[in-house]
Structure formats: structure tokens, C-alpha cells
Amino acid sequence: MSKKVKAFVFNFLSFALFFLPSYYLIQQYGGLTLTGYLIPITAFVIATLLAPKFQAVQTRDGEKLFMKWLLMKEVKELK
């Protein structure tokens, strides 16, 4: 599996990891103020901001996978 495919899969899984619980929590506890399309839109924004971002980059040493997250200062290289 190429690094670009891994980055895409990791991005999808990390987004889903934050989207599904936030959607459930907003639906259960924010139902009085948020209704209809606002629930999934709010969960989408939360997941987009909190989920780590993965990117495959072509370098002199070959293709490498990097991760950037809101809660970490530096960009981390994954093996």
C-alpha cells in the first residue's frame, strides 16, 4: 500500500473517530438548541478541527508520511 493511500485511510479513520462521538453527543445533549442539518454540520466542524492530518510527501529519501495535530507543536514523521 502506498503512503498516499495510507494517508487517505488515516485521515478518514481519524475524522470518523471524532465525527461519530461528537455527532452522538450533540444529538443527545444539544438537541434543544441544534436541530436538523445543524447537528451534522457542527459535528463536521468539530471533527475537522480536532482530527489529526496526515500527508505523504516525496523527499530525496523516498516517500514519507507525516502527521500534524492541533494538540502537538511539531510535525511528526510516521514510519
PDB file of N, CA and C in Angstrom:
ATOM      1  N   MET A   1       0.853  -1.172   0.000  1.00  0.00           N
ATOM      2  CA  MET A   1       0.000   0.000   0.000  1.00  0.00           C
ATOM      3  C   MET A   1       0.899   1.236   0.000  1.00  0.00           C
ATOM      4  N   SER A   2       0.621   2.174  -0.882  1.00  0.00           N
ATOM      5  CA  SER A   2       1.448   3.374  -0.981  1.00  0.00           C
ATOM      6  C   SER A   2       1.172   4.318   0.199  1.00  0.00           C
ATOM      7  N   LYS A   3       2.084   5.232   0.406  1.00  0.00           N
ATOM      8  CA  LYS A   3       1.966   6.190   1.513  1.00  0.00           C
ATOM      9  C   LYS A   3       0.786   7.136   1.304  1.00  0.00           C
ATOM     10  N   LYS A   4       0.471   7.457   0.038  1.00  0.00           N
ATOM     11  CA  LYS A   4      -0.671   8.332  -0.234  1.00  0.00           C
ATOM     12  C   LYS A   4      -1.976   7.655   0.162  1.00  0.00           C
ATOM     13  N   VAL A   5      -2.088   6.380  -0.104  1.00  0.00           N
ATOM     14  CA  VAL A   5      -3.294   5.631   0.273  1.00  0.00           C
ATOM     15  C   VAL A   5      -3.385   5.521   1.794  1.00  0.00           C
ATOM     16  N   LYS A   6      -2.251   5.275   2.448  1.00  0.00           N
ATOM     17  CA  LYS A   6      -2.231   5.219   3.906  1.00  0.00           C
ATOM     18  C   LYS A   6      -2.663   6.556   4.505  1.00  0.00           C
ATOM     19  N   ALA A   7      -2.167   7.653   3.938  1.00  0.00           N
ATOM     20  CA  ALA A   7      -2.546   8.979   4.433  1.00  0.00           C
ATOM     21  C   ALA A   7      -4.045   9.200   4.278  1.00  0.00           C
ATOM     22  N   PHE A   8      -4.610   8.794   3.148  1.00  0.00           N
ATOM     23  CA  PHE A   8      -6.048   8.948   2.922  1.00  0.00           C
ATOM     24  C   PHE A   8      -6.847   8.120   3.927  1.00  0.00           C
ATOM     25  N   VAL A   9      -6.444   6.875   4.144  1.00  0.00           N
ATOM     26  CA  VAL A   9      -7.150   5.998   5.085  1.00  0.00           C
ATOM     27  C   VAL A   9      -7.028   6.530   6.506  1.00  0.00           C
ATOM     28  N   PHE A  10      -5.831   6.969   6.903  1.00  0.00           N
ATOM     29  CA  PHE A  10      -5.647   7.524   8.240  1.00  0.00           C
ATOM     30  C   PHE A  10      -6.469   8.795   8.430  1.00  0.00           C
ATOM     31  N   ASN A  11      -6.530   9.655   7.411  1.00  0.00           N
ATOM     32  CA  ASN A  11      -7.354  10.862   7.501  1.00  0.00           C
ATOM     33  C   ASN A  11      -8.822  10.510   7.687  1.00  0.00           C
ATOM     34  N   PHE A  12      -9.295   9.528   6.925  1.00  0.00           N
ATOM     35  CA  PHE A  12     -10.690   9.120   7.029  1.00  0.00           C
ATOM     36  C   PHE A  12     -10.998   8.537   8.406  1.00  0.00           C
ATOM     37  N   LEU A  13     -10.139   7.634   8.886  1.00  0.00           N
ATOM     38  CA  LEU A  13     -10.383   6.997  10.181  1.00  0.00           C
ATOM     39  C   LEU A  13     -10.301   7.985  11.339  1.00  0.00           C
ATOM     40  N   SER A  14      -9.345   8.899  11.290  1.00  0.00           N
ATOM     41  CA  SER A  14      -9.235   9.881  12.365  1.00  0.00           C
ATOM     42  C   SER A  14     -10.417  10.850  12.344  1.00  0.00           C
ATOM     43  N   PHE A  15     -10.889  11.214  11.147  1.00  0.00           N
ATOM     44  CA  PHE A  15     -12.076  12.063  11.065  1.00  0.00           C
ATOM     45  C   PHE A  15     -13.283  11.340  11.640  1.00  0.00           C
ATOM     46  N   ALA A  16     -13.460  10.067  11.275  1.00  0.00           N
ATOM     47  CA  ALA A  16     -14.603   9.288  11.767  1.00  0.00           C
ATOM     48  C   ALA A  16     -14.525   9.102  13.277  1.00  0.00           C
ATOM     49  N   LEU A  17     -13.319   8.961  13.809  1.00  0.00           N
ATOM     50  CA  LEU A  17     -13.132   8.780  15.241  1.00  0.00           C
ATOM     51  C   LEU A  17     -13.628   9.991  16.029  1.00  0.00           C
ATOM     52  N   PHE A  18     -13.537  11.169  15.463  1.00  0.00           N
ATOM     53  CA  PHE A  18     -14.029  12.375  16.129  1.00  0.00           C
ATOM     54  C   PHE A  18     -15.455  12.730  15.715  1.00  0.00           C
ATOM     55  N   PHE A  19     -15.844  12.414  14.477  1.00  0.00           N
ATOM     56  CA  PHE A  19     -17.168  12.798  13.992  1.00  0.00           C
ATOM     57  C   PHE A  19     -18.285  12.013  14.679  1.00  0.00           C
ATOM     58  N   LEU A  20     -18.151  10.700  14.727  1.00  0.00           N
ATOM     59  CA  LEU A  20     -19.238   9.872  15.259  1.00  0.00           C
ATOM     60  C   LEU A  20     -19.556  10.154  16.730  1.00  0.00           C
ATOM     61  N   PRO A  21     -18.563  10.213  17.623  1.00  0.00           N
ATOM     62  CA  PRO A  21     -18.908  10.557  19.015  1.00  0.00           C
ATOM     63  C   PRO A  21     -19.451  11.975  19.171  1.00  0.00           C
ATOM     64  N   SER A  22     -18.894  12.924  18.433  1.00  0.00           N
ATOM     65  CA  SER A  22     -19.408  14.291  18.556  1.00  0.00           C
ATOM     66  C   SER A  22     -20.832  14.391  18.014  1.00  0.00           C
ATOM     67  N   TYR A  23     -21.121  13.679  16.931  1.00  0.00           N
ATOM     68  CA  TYR A  23     -22.495  13.664  16.401  1.00  0.00           C
ATOM     69  C   TYR A  23     -23.461  13.099  17.436  1.00  0.00           C
ATOM     70  N   TYR A  24     -23.057  11.982  18.055  1.00  0.00           N
ATOM     71  CA  TYR A  24     -23.920  11.354  19.060  1.00  0.00           C
ATOM     72  C   TYR A  24     -24.126  12.282  20.258  1.00  0.00           C
ATOM     73  N   LEU A  25     -23.046  12.882  20.753  1.00  0.00           N
ATOM     74  CA  LEU A  25     -23.162  13.752  21.921  1.00  0.00           C
ATOM     75  C   LEU A  25     -23.992  15.003  21.623  1.00  0.00           C
ATOM     76  N   ILE A  26     -23.802  15.569  20.448  1.00  0.00           N
ATOM     77  CA  ILE A  26     -24.602  16.748  20.081  1.00  0.00           C
ATOM     78  C   ILE A  26     -26.068  16.370  19.933  1.00  0.00           C
ATOM     79  N   GLN A  27     -26.327  15.214  19.361  1.00  0.00           N
ATOM     80  CA  GLN A  27     -27.701  14.766  19.182  1.00  0.00           C
ATOM     81  C   GLN A  27     -28.377  14.506  20.532  1.00  0.00           C
ATOM     82  N   GLN A  28     -27.643  13.950  21.482  1.00  0.00           N
ATOM     83  CA  GLN A  28     -28.212  13.628  22.789  1.00  0.00           C
ATOM     84  C   GLN A  28     -28.358  14.854  23.684  1.00  0.00           C
ATOM     85  N   TYR A  29     -27.339  15.721  23.724  1.00  0.00           N
ATOM     86  CA  TYR A  29     -27.313  16.794  24.706  1.00  0.00           C
ATOM     87  C   TYR A  29     -27.469  18.193  24.118  1.00  0.00           C
ATOM     88  N   GLY A  30     -27.391  18.334  22.821  1.00  0.00           N
ATOM     89  CA  GLY A  30     -27.551  19.649  22.218  1.00  0.00           C
ATOM     90  C   GLY A  30     -28.819  19.741  21.397  1.00  0.00           C
ATOM     91  N   GLY A  31     -29.721  18.805  21.591  1.00  0.00           N
ATOM     92  CA  GLY A  31     -30.922  18.713  20.781  1.00  0.00           C
ATOM     93  C   GLY A  31     -31.898  19.867  20.942  1.00  0.00           C
ATOM     94  N   LEU A  32     -31.848  20.541  22.072  1.00  0.00           N
ATOM     95  CA  LEU A  32     -32.777  21.648  22.284  1.00  0.00           C
ATOM     96  C   LEU A  32     -32.408  22.869  21.457  1.00  0.00           C
ATOM     97  N   THR A  33     -31.118  23.077  21.262  1.00  0.00           N
ATOM     98  CA  THR A  33     -30.691  24.264  20.525  1.00  0.00           C
ATOM     99  C   THR A  33     -30.307  23.948  19.083  1.00  0.00           C
ATOM    100  N   LEU A  34     -29.856  22.720  18.813  1.00  0.00           N
ATOM    101  CA  LEU A  34     -29.447  22.341  17.464  1.00  0.00           C
ATOM    102  C   LEU A  34     -30.405  21.287  16.919  1.00  0.00           C
ATOM    103  N   THR A  35     -30.957  21.568  15.754  1.00  0.00           N
ATOM    104  CA  THR A  35     -31.873  20.614  15.133  1.00  0.00           C
ATOM    105  C   THR A  35     -31.576  20.534  13.645  1.00  0.00           C
ATOM    106  N   GLY A  36     -32.067  19.485  13.019  1.00  0.00           N
ATOM    107  CA  GLY A  36     -31.949  19.342  11.571  1.00  0.00           C
ATOM    108  C   GLY A  36     -30.521  19.211  11.107  1.00  0.00           C
ATOM    109  N   TYR A  37     -30.169  20.006  10.111  1.00  0.00           N
ATOM    110  CA  TYR A  37     -28.847  19.939   9.495  1.00  0.00           C
ATOM    111  C   TYR A  37     -27.737  20.522  10.365  1.00  0.00           C
ATOM    112  N   LEU A  38     -28.102  21.261  11.417  1.00  0.00           N
ATOM    113  CA  LEU A  38     -27.072  21.869  12.257  1.00  0.00           C
ATOM    114  C   LEU A  38     -26.303  20.836  13.071  1.00  0.00           C
ATOM    115  N   ILE A  39     -26.908  19.705  13.393  1.00  0.00           N
ATOM    116  CA  ILE A  39     -26.228  18.674  14.175  1.00  0.00           C
ATOM    117  C   ILE A  39     -25.055  18.076  13.389  1.00  0.00           C
ATOM    118  N   PRO A  40     -25.264  17.548  12.166  1.00  0.00           N
ATOM    119  CA  PRO A  40     -24.102  17.004  11.452  1.00  0.00           C
ATOM    120  C   PRO A  40     -23.095  18.071  11.019  1.00  0.00           C
ATOM    121  N   ILE A  41     -23.537  19.287  10.749  1.00  0.00           N
ATOM    122  CA  ILE A  41     -22.612  20.352  10.379  1.00  0.00           C
ATOM    123  C   ILE A  41     -21.708  20.701  11.557  1.00  0.00           C
ATOM    124  N   THR A  42     -22.278  20.784  12.750  1.00  0.00           N
ATOM    125  CA  THR A  42     -21.495  21.068  13.948  1.00  0.00           C
ATOM    126  C   THR A  42     -20.513  19.935  14.238  1.00  0.00           C
ATOM    127  N   ALA A  43     -20.954  18.703  14.100  1.00  0.00           N
ATOM    128  CA  ALA A  43     -20.069  17.551  14.304  1.00  0.00           C
ATOM    129  C   ALA A  43     -18.955  17.543  13.265  1.00  0.00           C
ATOM    130  N   PHE A  44     -19.257  17.934  12.024  1.00  0.00           N
ATOM    131  CA  PHE A  44     -18.255  18.015  10.969  1.00  0.00           C
ATOM    132  C   PHE A  44     -17.180  19.039  11.306  1.00  0.00           C
ATOM    133  N   VAL A  45     -17.585  20.204  11.784  1.00  0.00           N
ATOM    134  CA  VAL A  45     -16.623  21.255  12.129  1.00  0.00           C
ATOM    135  C   VAL A  45     -15.745  20.809  13.290  1.00  0.00           C
ATOM    136  N   ILE A  46     -16.345  20.199  14.308  1.00  0.00           N
ATOM    137  CA  ILE A  46     -15.572  19.712  15.452  1.00  0.00           C
ATOM    138  C   ILE A  46     -14.560  18.667  15.006  1.00  0.00           C
ATOM    139  N   ALA A  47     -14.991  17.707  14.196  1.00  0.00           N
ATOM    140  CA  ALA A  47     -14.096  16.642  13.735  1.00  0.00           C
ATOM    141  C   ALA A  47     -12.998  17.196  12.835  1.00  0.00           C
ATOM    142  N   THR A  48     -13.327  18.157  11.997  1.00  0.00           N
ATOM    143  CA  THR A  48     -12.319  18.757  11.115  1.00  0.00           C
ATOM    144  C   THR A  48     -11.236  19.471  11.912  1.00  0.00           C
ATOM    145  N   LEU A  49     -11.622  20.146  12.971  1.00  0.00           N
ATOM    146  CA  LEU A  49     -10.644  20.879  13.779  1.00  0.00           C
ATOM    147  C   LEU A  49      -9.808  19.962  14.666  1.00  0.00           C
ATOM    148  N   LEU A  50     -10.407  18.907  15.209  1.00  0.00           N
ATOM    149  CA  LEU A  50      -9.713  18.076  16.187  1.00  0.00           C
ATOM    150  C   LEU A  50      -8.949  16.890  15.597  1.00  0.00           C
ATOM    151  N   ALA A  51      -9.342  16.416  14.440  1.00  0.00           N
ATOM    152  CA  ALA A  51      -8.713  15.219  13.868  1.00  0.00           C
ATOM    153  C   ALA A  51      -7.307  15.540  13.367  1.00  0.00           C
ATOM    154  N   PRO A  52      -6.360  14.626  13.587  1.00  0.00           N
ATOM    155  CA  PRO A  52      -5.015  14.842  13.040  1.00  0.00           C
ATOM    156  C   PRO A  52      -5.017  14.757  11.519  1.00  0.00           C
ATOM    157  N   LYS A  53      -4.097  15.482  10.898  1.00  0.00           N
ATOM    158  CA  LYS A  53      -3.984  15.496   9.434  1.00  0.00           C
ATOM    159  C   LYS A  53      -2.758  14.693   9.023  1.00  0.00           C
ATOM    160  N   PHE A  54      -2.900  13.838   8.038  1.00  0.00           N
ATOM    161  CA  PHE A  54      -1.814  13.007   7.527  1.00  0.00           C
ATOM    162  C   PHE A  54      -1.526  13.407   6.094  1.00  0.00           C
ATOM    163  N   GLN A  55      -0.235  13.384   5.731  1.00  0.00           N
ATOM    164  CA  GLN A  55       0.152  13.753   4.373  1.00  0.00           C
ATOM    165  C   GLN A  55       1.375  12.959   3.954  1.00  0.00           C
ATOM    166  N   ALA A  56       1.353  12.469   2.718  1.00  0.00           N
ATOM    167  CA  ALA A  56       2.506  11.787   2.132  1.00  0.00           C
ATOM    168  C   ALA A  56       3.284  12.802   1.310  1.00  0.00           C
ATOM    169  N   VAL A  57       4.608  12.849   1.539  1.00  0.00           N
ATOM    170  CA  VAL A  57       5.476  13.817   0.873  1.00  0.00           C
ATOM    171  C   VAL A  57       6.628  13.070   0.210  1.00  0.00           C
ATOM    172  N   GLN A  58       6.912  13.448  -1.032  1.00  0.00           N
ATOM    173  CA  GLN A  58       8.048  12.877  -1.752  1.00  0.00           C
ATOM    174  C   GLN A  58       9.304  13.656  -1.381  1.00  0.00           C
ATOM    175  N   THR A  59      10.309  12.963  -0.825  1.00  0.00           N
ATOM    176  CA  THR A  59      11.572  13.588  -0.446  1.00  0.00           C
ATOM    177  C   THR A  59      12.713  12.920  -1.209  1.00  0.00           C
ATOM    178  N   ARG A  60      13.928  13.400  -0.964  1.00  0.00           N
ATOM    179  CA  ARG A  60      15.096  12.769  -1.599  1.00  0.00           C
ATOM    180  C   ARG A  60      15.239  11.314  -1.173  1.00  0.00           C
ATOM    181  N   ASP A  61      14.863  11.026   0.064  1.00  0.00           N
ATOM    182  CA  ASP A  61      14.994   9.680   0.612  1.00  0.00           C
ATOM    183  C   ASP A  61      13.821   8.776   0.268  1.00  0.00           C
ATOM    184  N   GLY A  62      12.877   9.262  -0.499  1.00  0.00           N
ATOM    185  CA  GLY A  62      11.689   8.487  -0.857  1.00  0.00           C
ATOM    186  C   GLY A  62      10.443   9.124  -0.275  1.00  0.00           C
ATOM    187  N   GLU A  63       9.338   8.434  -0.402  1.00  0.00           N
ATOM    188  CA  GLU A  63       8.065   8.952   0.076  1.00  0.00           C
ATOM    189  C   GLU A  63       7.954   8.740   1.584  1.00  0.00           C
ATOM    190  N   LYS A  64       7.556   9.799   2.298  1.00  0.00           N
ATOM    191  CA  LYS A  64       7.425   9.734   3.755  1.00  0.00           C
ATOM    192  C   LYS A  64       6.042  10.192   4.162  1.00  0.00           C
ATOM    193  N   LEU A  65       5.592   9.694   5.313  1.00  0.00           N
ATOM    194  CA  LEU A  65       4.270  10.000   5.842  1.00  0.00           C
ATOM    195  C   LEU A  65       4.435  10.893   7.070  1.00  0.00           C
ATOM    196  N   PHE A  66       3.725  12.028   7.078  1.00  0.00           N
ATOM    197  CA  PHE A  66       3.803  12.980   8.174  1.00  0.00           C
ATOM    198  C   PHE A  66       2.431  13.201   8.779  1.00  0.00           C
ATOM    199  N   MET A  67       2.429  13.573  10.075  1.00  0.00           N
ATOM    200  CA  MET A  67       1.183  13.842  10.790  1.00  0.00           C
ATOM    201  C   MET A  67       1.293  15.185  11.499  1.00  0.00           C
ATOM    202  N   LYS A  68       0.249  15.989  11.406  1.00  0.00           N
ATOM    203  CA  LYS A  68       0.140  17.268  12.113  1.00  0.00           C
ATOM    204  C   LYS A  68      -1.157  17.233  12.895  1.00  0.00           C
ATOM    205  N   TRP A  69      -1.067  17.657  14.160  1.00  0.00           N
ATOM    206  CA  TRP A  69      -2.254  17.635  15.001  1.00  0.00           C
ATOM    207  C   TRP A  69      -2.328  18.933  15.777  1.00  0.00           C
ATOM    208  N   LEU A  70      -3.529  19.378  16.067  1.00  0.00           N
ATOM    209  CA  LEU A  70      -3.756  20.617  16.782  1.00  0.00           C
ATOM    210  C   LEU A  70      -3.110  20.588  18.166  1.00  0.00           C
ATOM    211  N   LEU A  71      -3.068  19.422  18.804  1.00  0.00           N
ATOM    212  CA  LEU A  71      -2.570  19.299  20.167  1.00  0.00           C
ATOM    213  C   LEU A  71      -1.052  19.075  20.241  1.00  0.00           C
ATOM    214  N   MET A  72      -0.380  18.994  19.098  1.00  0.00           N
ATOM    215  CA  MET A  72       1.070  18.817  19.065  1.00  0.00           C
ATOM    216  C   MET A  72       1.708  20.011  18.359  1.00  0.00           C
ATOM    217  N   LYS A  73       2.862  20.439  18.838  1.00  0.00           N
ATOM    218  CA  LYS A  73       3.518  21.602  18.252  1.00  0.00           C
ATOM    219  C   LYS A  73       4.198  21.266  16.937  1.00  0.00           C
ATOM    220  N   GLU A  74       4.908  20.145  16.896  1.00  0.00           N
ATOM    221  CA  GLU A  74       5.719  19.824  15.730  1.00  0.00           C
ATOM    222  C   GLU A  74       5.019  18.820  14.825  1.00  0.00           C
ATOM    223  N   VAL A  75       5.515  18.751  13.600  1.00  0.00           N
ATOM    224  CA  VAL A  75       5.045  17.763  12.639  1.00  0.00           C
ATOM    225  C   VAL A  75       5.810  16.474  12.921  1.00  0.00           C
ATOM    226  N   LYS A  76       5.080  15.365  12.982  1.00  0.00           N
ATOM    227  CA  LYS A  76       5.697  14.086  13.342  1.00  0.00           C
ATOM    228  C   LYS A  76       5.786  13.201  12.104  1.00  0.00           C
ATOM    229  N   GLU A  77       6.961  12.597  11.907  1.00  0.00           N
ATOM    230  CA  GLU A  77       7.142  11.662  10.798  1.00  0.00           C
ATOM    231  C   GLU A  77       6.747  10.264  11.259  1.00  0.00           C
ATOM    232  N   LEU A  78       5.903   9.600  10.468  1.00  0.00           N
ATOM    233  CA  LEU A  78       5.485   8.237  10.770  1.00  0.00           C
ATOM    234  C   LEU A  78       6.283   7.271   9.918  1.00  0.00           C
ATOM    235  N   LYS A  79       6.533   6.103  10.434  1.00  0.00           N
ATOM    236  CA  LYS A  79       7.317   5.109   9.686  1.00  0.00           C
ATOM    237  C   LYS A  79       6.416   4.204   8.897  1.00  0.00           C
TER     238      LYS A  79
END
